[in-house]
Amino acid sequence: MTEQEFQAYLEGAGRRDEVLGALRKLGFDPGFIVRNVLTGVPVTVSRVAMLWQGMPNKHDRKRTRQLFEILTGLGLLTPAGDDETWRPANIPAGGSVV
C-alpha cells in the first residue's frame, strides 16, 4: 500500500480526518506507517517502536500498540493472538473499502 492508497482508504472509510488526527497525536505520520507497518508482512510492536524511536520506552511501545489498534479498527491489521504481533488483513486491490 502506498501513502496515497492509505489516504484514499481513510477517505473511503469516511474517517480520514479523525484517523490522521489520532495518528498525529500519537506521533506517527502516514509515510512511516506505510513504509514500516503496512508492508504486507506480520509486524511486532517492539520492531515498529524501535524503527520509530530507536530505543523505545514503555510509553513508545504503548503508543505503537495504540497505532496497531487503530489500524485494526480500520480493517488493515489483525492481531496474531499475542500482545506483540499483528498481521496484515486482506485488503482489496487499490486499498478500497469493501
N, C-alpha and C. Protein backbone atom coordinates (compact mmCIF):
# COMPACT_ATOMS: atom_id res chain seq x y z
N MET A 1 0.85 -1.18 0.00
CA MET A 1 0.00 0.00 0.00
C MET A 1 0.90 1.24 0.00
N THR A 2 0.57 2.17 -0.85
CA THR A 2 1.30 3.43 -0.90
C THR A 2 0.65 4.43 0.05
N GLU A 3 1.34 5.54 0.27
CA GLU A 3 0.76 6.57 1.14
C GLU A 3 -0.53 7.11 0.52
N GLN A 4 -0.54 7.27 -0.79
CA GLN A 4 -1.75 7.75 -1.48
C GLN A 4 -2.91 6.76 -1.32
N GLU A 5 -2.62 5.46 -1.43
CA GLU A 5 -3.66 4.45 -1.24
C GLU A 5 -4.16 4.44 0.19
N PHE A 6 -3.25 4.65 1.14
CA PHE A 6 -3.64 4.73 2.54
C PHE A 6 -4.59 5.90 2.78
N GLN A 7 -4.23 7.06 2.23
CA GLN A 7 -5.09 8.25 2.37
C GLN A 7 -6.46 7.99 1.71
N ALA A 8 -6.46 7.35 0.55
CA ALA A 8 -7.71 7.04 -0.15
C ALA A 8 -8.55 6.05 0.66
N TYR A 9 -7.89 5.09 1.28
CA TYR A 9 -8.59 4.11 2.12
C TYR A 9 -9.28 4.82 3.28
N LEU A 10 -8.56 5.74 3.93
CA LEU A 10 -9.15 6.50 5.04
C LEU A 10 -10.32 7.35 4.55
N GLU A 11 -10.14 7.96 3.41
CA GLU A 11 -11.22 8.79 2.82
C GLU A 11 -12.44 7.93 2.53
N GLY A 12 -12.21 6.76 1.93
CA GLY A 12 -13.31 5.85 1.60
C GLY A 12 -14.03 5.35 2.83
N ALA A 13 -13.32 5.22 3.94
CA ALA A 13 -13.92 4.78 5.19
C ALA A 13 -14.64 5.93 5.89
N GLY A 14 -14.48 7.16 5.36
CA GLY A 14 -15.12 8.32 5.96
C GLY A 14 -14.50 8.73 7.28
N ARG A 15 -13.23 8.34 7.49
CA ARG A 15 -12.59 8.62 8.78
C ARG A 15 -11.24 9.28 8.63
N ARG A 16 -10.97 9.86 7.47
CA ARG A 16 -9.64 10.41 7.19
C ARG A 16 -9.18 11.41 8.24
N ASP A 17 -9.96 12.45 8.48
CA ASP A 17 -9.55 13.49 9.43
C ASP A 17 -9.42 12.95 10.85
N GLU A 18 -10.37 12.13 11.25
CA GLU A 18 -10.35 11.55 12.60
C GLU A 18 -9.10 10.70 12.80
N VAL A 19 -8.81 9.82 11.84
CA VAL A 19 -7.66 8.91 11.99
C VAL A 19 -6.35 9.67 11.88
N LEU A 20 -6.23 10.57 10.93
CA LEU A 20 -4.98 11.32 10.80
C LEU A 20 -4.71 12.15 12.05
N GLY A 21 -5.77 12.70 12.65
CA GLY A 21 -5.61 13.45 13.90
C GLY A 21 -5.13 12.55 15.04
N ALA A 22 -5.69 11.36 15.13
CA ALA A 22 -5.27 10.41 16.16
C ALA A 22 -3.82 9.97 15.94
N LEU A 23 -3.45 9.75 14.69
CA LEU A 23 -2.07 9.34 14.38
C LEU A 23 -1.08 10.45 14.73
N ARG A 24 -1.43 11.69 14.40
CA ARG A 24 -0.56 12.83 14.74
C ARG A 24 -0.41 12.96 16.25
N LYS A 25 -1.52 12.77 16.97
CA LYS A 25 -1.49 12.87 18.43
C LYS A 25 -0.54 11.81 19.02
N LEU A 26 -0.52 10.63 18.42
CA LEU A 26 0.38 9.57 18.87
C LEU A 26 1.81 9.82 18.43
N GLY A 27 2.00 10.64 17.38
CA GLY A 27 3.34 10.95 16.89
C GLY A 27 3.73 10.22 15.62
N PHE A 28 2.76 9.62 14.93
CA PHE A 28 3.05 8.87 13.71
C PHE A 28 2.59 9.66 12.48
N ASP A 29 3.35 9.56 11.39
CA ASP A 29 2.91 10.16 10.14
C ASP A 29 2.58 9.03 9.15
N PRO A 30 1.70 9.32 8.20
CA PRO A 30 1.28 8.28 7.26
C PRO A 30 2.43 7.63 6.49
N GLY A 31 3.45 8.39 6.13
CA GLY A 31 4.59 7.83 5.41
C GLY A 31 5.29 6.75 6.21
N PHE A 32 5.51 7.00 7.49
CA PHE A 32 6.14 6.00 8.36
C PHE A 32 5.27 4.75 8.43
N ILE A 33 3.98 4.93 8.59
CA ILE A 33 3.06 3.80 8.73
C ILE A 33 3.09 2.93 7.48
N VAL A 34 3.03 3.55 6.32
CA VAL A 34 3.05 2.80 5.06
C VAL A 34 4.38 2.06 4.88
N ARG A 35 5.48 2.74 5.18
CA ARG A 35 6.81 2.13 4.98
C ARG A 35 7.15 1.04 5.99
N ASN A 36 6.62 1.16 7.21
CA ASN A 36 7.07 0.27 8.29
C ASN A 36 6.01 -0.62 8.92
N VAL A 37 4.74 -0.33 8.67
CA VAL A 37 3.68 -1.13 9.30
C VAL A 37 2.84 -1.85 8.24
N LEU A 38 2.41 -1.13 7.24
CA LEU A 38 1.53 -1.71 6.22
C LEU A 38 2.36 -2.27 5.07
N THR A 39 3.23 -3.19 5.41
CA THR A 39 4.20 -3.73 4.44
C THR A 39 3.76 -5.05 3.82
N GLY A 40 2.65 -5.61 4.29
CA GLY A 40 2.20 -6.89 3.76
C GLY A 40 2.77 -8.09 4.49
N VAL A 41 3.54 -7.85 5.54
CA VAL A 41 4.11 -8.94 6.35
C VAL A 41 3.76 -8.68 7.82
N PRO A 42 3.77 -9.72 8.66
CA PRO A 42 3.48 -9.50 10.09
C PRO A 42 4.45 -8.48 10.70
N VAL A 43 3.95 -7.72 11.64
CA VAL A 43 4.75 -6.70 12.33
C VAL A 43 4.61 -6.89 13.83
N THR A 44 5.64 -6.46 14.55
CA THR A 44 5.59 -6.53 16.02
C THR A 44 5.68 -5.13 16.60
N VAL A 45 5.11 -5.00 17.78
CA VAL A 45 5.16 -3.73 18.50
C VAL A 45 6.61 -3.32 18.72
N SER A 46 7.43 -4.24 19.19
CA SER A 46 8.82 -3.92 19.50
C SER A 46 9.59 -3.44 18.28
N ARG A 47 9.43 -4.13 17.17
CA ARG A 47 10.17 -3.77 15.94
C ARG A 47 9.76 -2.39 15.43
N VAL A 48 8.46 -2.14 15.36
CA VAL A 48 7.99 -0.84 14.85
C VAL A 48 8.38 0.27 15.82
N ALA A 49 8.27 0.04 17.12
CA ALA A 49 8.68 1.05 18.11
C ALA A 49 10.17 1.35 17.97
N MET A 50 10.96 0.32 17.70
CA MET A 50 12.41 0.51 17.53
C MET A 50 12.69 1.34 16.27
N LEU A 51 12.00 1.05 15.19
CA LEU A 51 12.18 1.83 13.96
C LEU A 51 11.76 3.28 14.16
N TRP A 52 10.75 3.48 14.98
CA TRP A 52 10.18 4.81 15.21
C TRP A 52 11.03 5.63 16.18
N GLN A 53 11.46 5.02 17.29
CA GLN A 53 12.12 5.79 18.35
C GLN A 53 13.57 5.41 18.61
N GLY A 54 14.07 4.38 17.97
CA GLY A 54 15.44 3.96 18.23
C GLY A 54 15.53 3.07 19.45
N MET A 55 15.45 3.65 20.62
CA MET A 55 15.44 2.89 21.88
C MET A 55 14.12 3.20 22.60
N PRO A 56 13.05 2.50 22.23
CA PRO A 56 11.73 2.83 22.77
C PRO A 56 11.60 2.49 24.25
N ASN A 57 10.84 3.30 24.94
CA ASN A 57 10.49 3.00 26.33
C ASN A 57 9.08 2.43 26.37
N LYS A 58 8.56 2.16 27.55
CA LYS A 58 7.23 1.54 27.65
C LYS A 58 6.14 2.44 27.08
N HIS A 59 6.32 3.74 27.14
CA HIS A 59 5.32 4.66 26.59
C HIS A 59 5.31 4.62 25.07
N ASP A 60 6.50 4.50 24.45
CA ASP A 60 6.59 4.39 22.99
C ASP A 60 5.94 3.09 22.52
N ARG A 61 6.18 2.01 23.24
CA ARG A 61 5.56 0.73 22.88
C ARG A 61 4.04 0.80 23.05
N LYS A 62 3.58 1.51 24.08
CA LYS A 62 2.14 1.67 24.28
C LYS A 62 1.52 2.45 23.12
N ARG A 63 2.18 3.52 22.69
CA ARG A 63 1.65 4.30 21.56
C ARG A 63 1.70 3.48 20.28
N THR A 64 2.71 2.64 20.11
CA THR A 64 2.78 1.77 18.94
C THR A 64 1.63 0.77 18.95
N ARG A 65 1.34 0.21 20.12
CA ARG A 65 0.21 -0.71 20.25
C ARG A 65 -1.10 0.02 19.94
N GLN A 66 -1.22 1.28 20.37
CA GLN A 66 -2.42 2.06 20.05
C GLN A 66 -2.54 2.28 18.54
N LEU A 67 -1.41 2.51 17.88
CA LEU A 67 -1.41 2.63 16.42
C LEU A 67 -1.94 1.35 15.80
N PHE A 68 -1.44 0.20 16.25
CA PHE A 68 -1.90 -1.08 15.71
C PHE A 68 -3.39 -1.28 15.94
N GLU A 69 -3.89 -0.84 17.10
CA GLU A 69 -5.32 -0.96 17.39
C GLU A 69 -6.16 -0.08 16.47
N ILE A 70 -5.66 1.11 16.16
CA ILE A 70 -6.36 1.98 15.21
C ILE A 70 -6.41 1.31 13.84
N LEU A 71 -5.28 0.77 13.40
CA LEU A 71 -5.23 0.11 12.09
C LEU A 71 -6.09 -1.16 12.07
N THR A 72 -6.20 -1.83 13.21
CA THR A 72 -7.07 -2.99 13.31
C THR A 72 -8.53 -2.55 13.18
N GLY A 73 -8.89 -1.46 13.83
CA GLY A 73 -10.25 -0.93 13.73
C GLY A 73 -10.62 -0.52 12.32
N LEU A 74 -9.62 -0.18 11.53
CA LEU A 74 -9.85 0.19 10.13
C LEU A 74 -9.87 -1.02 9.20
N GLY A 75 -9.55 -2.20 9.75
CA GLY A 75 -9.53 -3.41 8.93
C GLY A 75 -8.22 -3.61 8.18
N LEU A 76 -7.16 -2.93 8.61
CA LEU A 76 -5.87 -3.04 7.93
C LEU A 76 -4.93 -4.06 8.57
N LEU A 77 -5.08 -4.27 9.88
CA LEU A 77 -4.27 -5.25 10.61
C LEU A 77 -5.19 -6.18 11.40
N THR A 78 -4.66 -7.34 11.74
CA THR A 78 -5.36 -8.32 12.56
C THR A 78 -4.41 -8.81 13.64
N PRO A 79 -4.83 -8.84 14.91
CA PRO A 79 -3.95 -9.38 15.95
C PRO A 79 -3.62 -10.84 15.65
N ALA A 80 -2.39 -11.22 15.94
CA ALA A 80 -1.94 -12.59 15.65
C ALA A 80 -2.14 -13.52 16.83
N GLY A 81 -2.74 -13.04 17.90
CA GLY A 81 -3.02 -13.91 19.03
C GLY A 81 -2.18 -13.63 20.26
N ASP A 82 -1.20 -12.76 20.13
CA ASP A 82 -0.43 -12.33 21.30
C ASP A 82 -0.47 -10.81 21.35
N ASP A 83 0.10 -10.21 22.37
CA ASP A 83 0.07 -8.75 22.50
C ASP A 83 1.14 -8.06 21.68
N GLU A 84 1.97 -8.81 21.00
CA GLU A 84 3.14 -8.26 20.33
C GLU A 84 3.03 -8.22 18.81
N THR A 85 2.31 -9.17 18.21
CA THR A 85 2.35 -9.36 16.76
C THR A 85 0.99 -9.11 16.11
N TRP A 86 1.03 -8.40 15.00
CA TRP A 86 -0.14 -8.18 14.16
C TRP A 86 0.23 -8.61 12.74
N ARG A 87 -0.76 -9.02 11.99
CA ARG A 87 -0.52 -9.39 10.59
C ARG A 87 -1.46 -8.58 9.71
N PRO A 88 -1.09 -8.44 8.44
CA PRO A 88 -1.94 -7.66 7.55
C PRO A 88 -3.29 -8.34 7.33
N ALA A 89 -4.33 -7.55 7.26
CA ALA A 89 -5.65 -8.06 6.92
C ALA A 89 -5.73 -8.13 5.40
N ASN A 90 -6.67 -8.88 4.90
CA ASN A 90 -6.85 -8.95 3.44
C ASN A 90 -7.52 -7.68 2.96
N ILE A 91 -6.76 -6.92 2.20
CA ILE A 91 -7.24 -5.65 1.68
C ILE A 91 -7.44 -5.79 0.18
N PRO A 92 -8.58 -5.37 -0.34
CA PRO A 92 -8.78 -5.45 -1.78
C PRO A 92 -7.75 -4.63 -2.55
N ALA A 93 -7.49 -5.00 -3.78
CA ALA A 93 -6.54 -4.26 -4.63
C ALA A 93 -6.96 -2.80 -4.69
N GLY A 94 -5.98 -1.92 -4.63
CA GLY A 94 -6.26 -0.48 -4.69
C GLY A 94 -6.61 0.11 -3.35
N GLY A 95 -6.70 -0.72 -2.30
CA GLY A 95 -6.95 -0.21 -0.97
C GLY A 95 -8.35 0.29 -0.72
N SER A 96 -9.31 -0.08 -1.58
CA SER A 96 -10.65 0.44 -1.42
C SER A 96 -11.40 -0.32 -0.33
N VAL A 97 -12.35 0.34 0.26
CA VAL A 97 -13.15 -0.23 1.32
C VAL A 97 -14.24 -1.11 0.70
N VAL A 98 -14.44 -2.30 1.28
CA VAL A 98 -15.49 -3.20 0.78
C VAL A 98 -16.78 -2.90 1.50
